[in-house]
Amino acid sequence: MDELINDFFRWCVEVLVWIGNVTGMGYELANIVIFVILQPLLILIFLILWLRERK
């Protein structure tokens, strides 16, 4: 199981490196943009949409 998790982690890092290279941002900035900015923003957007739908 540990090997599967490590393989998945390495694959995720490779995807981030690829995104960083394609966009010219680099791995670190791509990581920050995705996990510090986009993910919390999407969570807030979906929370707001869900709360509006409940009313």
N, C-alpha and C. Protein backbone atom coordinates (compact mmCIF):
# COMPACT_ATOMS: atom_id res chain seq x y z
N MET A 1 0.83 -1.20 0.00
CA MET A 1 0.00 0.00 0.00
C MET A 1 0.87 1.26 0.00
N ASP A 2 1.98 1.22 0.75
CA ASP A 2 2.87 2.38 0.79
C ASP A 2 3.44 2.70 -0.58
N GLU A 3 3.74 1.67 -1.34
CA GLU A 3 4.29 1.88 -2.68
C GLU A 3 3.27 2.55 -3.59
N LEU A 4 2.01 2.14 -3.46
CA LEU A 4 0.94 2.75 -4.26
C LEU A 4 0.80 4.23 -3.93
N ILE A 5 0.84 4.55 -2.66
CA ILE A 5 0.74 5.96 -2.23
C ILE A 5 1.93 6.76 -2.74
N ASN A 6 3.12 6.20 -2.62
CA ASN A 6 4.32 6.89 -3.10
C ASN A 6 4.28 7.10 -4.61
N ASP A 7 3.82 6.09 -5.34
CA ASP A 7 3.70 6.22 -6.80
C ASP A 7 2.70 7.31 -7.17
N PHE A 8 1.57 7.35 -6.46
CA PHE A 8 0.56 8.37 -6.73
C PHE A 8 1.12 9.76 -6.42
N PHE A 9 1.84 9.89 -5.31
CA PHE A 9 2.46 11.17 -4.95
C PHE A 9 3.44 11.62 -6.02
N ARG A 10 4.29 10.72 -6.48
CA ARG A 10 5.27 11.07 -7.52
C ARG A 10 4.56 11.48 -8.81
N TRP A 11 3.47 10.80 -9.15
CA TRP A 11 2.70 11.16 -10.34
C TRP A 11 2.12 12.57 -10.18
N CYS A 12 1.59 12.89 -9.01
CA CYS A 12 1.04 14.22 -8.75
C CYS A 12 2.12 15.29 -8.86
N VAL A 13 3.31 15.01 -8.35
CA VAL A 13 4.41 15.95 -8.45
C VAL A 13 4.78 16.15 -9.92
N GLU A 14 4.82 15.08 -10.69
CA GLU A 14 5.12 15.20 -12.12
C GLU A 14 4.08 16.05 -12.84
N VAL A 15 2.82 15.90 -12.47
CA VAL A 15 1.76 16.72 -13.07
C VAL A 15 1.99 18.19 -12.72
N LEU A 16 2.32 18.48 -11.47
CA LEU A 16 2.59 19.86 -11.07
C LEU A 16 3.81 20.43 -11.79
N VAL A 17 4.84 19.62 -11.96
CA VAL A 17 6.03 20.07 -12.69
C VAL A 17 5.65 20.36 -14.14
N TRP A 18 4.84 19.50 -14.74
CA TRP A 18 4.40 19.70 -16.13
C TRP A 18 3.58 20.99 -16.24
N ILE A 19 2.64 21.20 -15.32
CA ILE A 19 1.83 22.43 -15.33
C ILE A 19 2.73 23.64 -15.18
N GLY A 20 3.69 23.56 -14.28
CA GLY A 20 4.63 24.66 -14.08
C GLY A 20 5.44 24.95 -15.33
N ASN A 21 5.88 23.92 -16.03
CA ASN A 21 6.66 24.11 -17.25
C ASN A 21 5.81 24.66 -18.39
N VAL A 22 4.60 24.14 -18.54
CA VAL A 22 3.73 24.58 -19.63
C VAL A 22 3.32 26.04 -19.46
N THR A 23 3.03 26.43 -18.22
CA THR A 23 2.58 27.80 -17.97
C THR A 23 3.72 28.77 -17.74
N GLY A 24 4.92 28.25 -17.50
CA GLY A 24 6.06 29.11 -17.21
C GLY A 24 6.13 29.57 -15.76
N MET A 25 5.26 29.02 -14.91
CA MET A 25 5.23 29.43 -13.50
C MET A 25 6.25 28.70 -12.66
N GLY A 26 6.58 27.49 -13.01
CA GLY A 26 7.43 26.66 -12.17
C GLY A 26 6.58 25.83 -11.22
N TYR A 27 7.22 24.80 -10.68
CA TYR A 27 6.52 23.85 -9.80
C TYR A 27 5.96 24.52 -8.55
N GLU A 28 6.77 25.33 -7.88
CA GLU A 28 6.35 25.92 -6.62
C GLU A 28 5.16 26.86 -6.79
N LEU A 29 5.23 27.73 -7.80
CA LEU A 29 4.14 28.67 -8.02
C LEU A 29 2.87 27.95 -8.47
N ALA A 30 3.01 26.93 -9.30
CA ALA A 30 1.85 26.14 -9.71
C ALA A 30 1.20 25.50 -8.49
N ASN A 31 2.00 24.99 -7.58
CA ASN A 31 1.50 24.38 -6.35
C ASN A 31 0.73 25.40 -5.52
N ILE A 32 1.29 26.59 -5.37
CA ILE A 32 0.63 27.65 -4.60
C ILE A 32 -0.68 28.06 -5.26
N VAL A 33 -0.65 28.28 -6.56
CA VAL A 33 -1.86 28.72 -7.28
C VAL A 33 -2.98 27.69 -7.13
N ILE A 34 -2.64 26.42 -7.28
CA ILE A 34 -3.68 25.38 -7.23
C ILE A 34 -4.19 25.17 -5.81
N PHE A 35 -3.30 24.99 -4.85
CA PHE A 35 -3.72 24.55 -3.53
C PHE A 35 -3.92 25.66 -2.51
N VAL A 36 -3.42 26.86 -2.78
CA VAL A 36 -3.61 27.96 -1.83
C VAL A 36 -4.66 28.94 -2.34
N ILE A 37 -4.78 29.05 -3.67
CA ILE A 37 -5.72 30.03 -4.24
C ILE A 37 -6.94 29.35 -4.84
N LEU A 38 -6.74 28.48 -5.84
CA LEU A 38 -7.88 27.91 -6.57
C LEU A 38 -8.75 26.97 -5.73
N GLN A 39 -8.14 26.04 -5.02
CA GLN A 39 -8.94 25.09 -4.25
C GLN A 39 -9.81 25.77 -3.20
N PRO A 40 -9.25 26.65 -2.34
CA PRO A 40 -10.13 27.33 -1.38
C PRO A 40 -11.18 28.20 -2.06
N LEU A 41 -10.82 28.83 -3.18
CA LEU A 41 -11.78 29.65 -3.91
C LEU A 41 -12.94 28.80 -4.43
N LEU A 42 -12.63 27.64 -4.99
CA LEU A 42 -13.69 26.74 -5.47
C LEU A 42 -14.56 26.24 -4.33
N ILE A 43 -13.96 25.94 -3.19
CA ILE A 43 -14.74 25.50 -2.03
C ILE A 43 -15.71 26.59 -1.61
N LEU A 44 -15.25 27.83 -1.56
CA LEU A 44 -16.14 28.94 -1.19
C LEU A 44 -17.24 29.15 -2.21
N ILE A 45 -16.91 29.07 -3.49
CA ILE A 45 -17.92 29.24 -4.54
C ILE A 45 -19.00 28.18 -4.41
N PHE A 46 -18.59 26.91 -4.26
CA PHE A 46 -19.58 25.84 -4.15
C PHE A 46 -20.38 25.94 -2.85
N LEU A 47 -19.77 26.41 -1.77
CA LEU A 47 -20.50 26.62 -0.53
C LEU A 47 -21.57 27.69 -0.72
N ILE A 48 -21.21 28.79 -1.36
CA ILE A 48 -22.16 29.88 -1.61
C ILE A 48 -23.30 29.39 -2.50
N LEU A 49 -22.96 28.67 -3.56
CA LEU A 49 -24.00 28.14 -4.45
C LEU A 49 -24.92 27.17 -3.71
N TRP A 50 -24.35 26.33 -2.86
CA TRP A 50 -25.15 25.36 -2.11
C TRP A 50 -26.07 26.08 -1.13
N LEU A 51 -25.54 27.11 -0.44
CA LEU A 51 -26.36 27.86 0.51
C LEU A 51 -27.49 28.59 -0.19
N ARG A 52 -27.23 29.14 -1.36
CA ARG A 52 -28.28 29.82 -2.12
C ARG A 52 -29.36 28.83 -2.57
N GLU A 53 -28.95 27.65 -2.95
CA GLU A 53 -29.89 26.64 -3.43
C GLU A 53 -30.78 26.13 -2.30
N ARG A 54 -30.27 26.13 -1.08
CA ARG A 54 -31.04 25.64 0.07
C ARG A 54 -32.17 26.59 0.44
N LYS A 55 -32.04 27.86 0.13
CA LYS A 55 -33.04 28.86 0.54
C LYS A 55 -34.33 28.72 -0.20
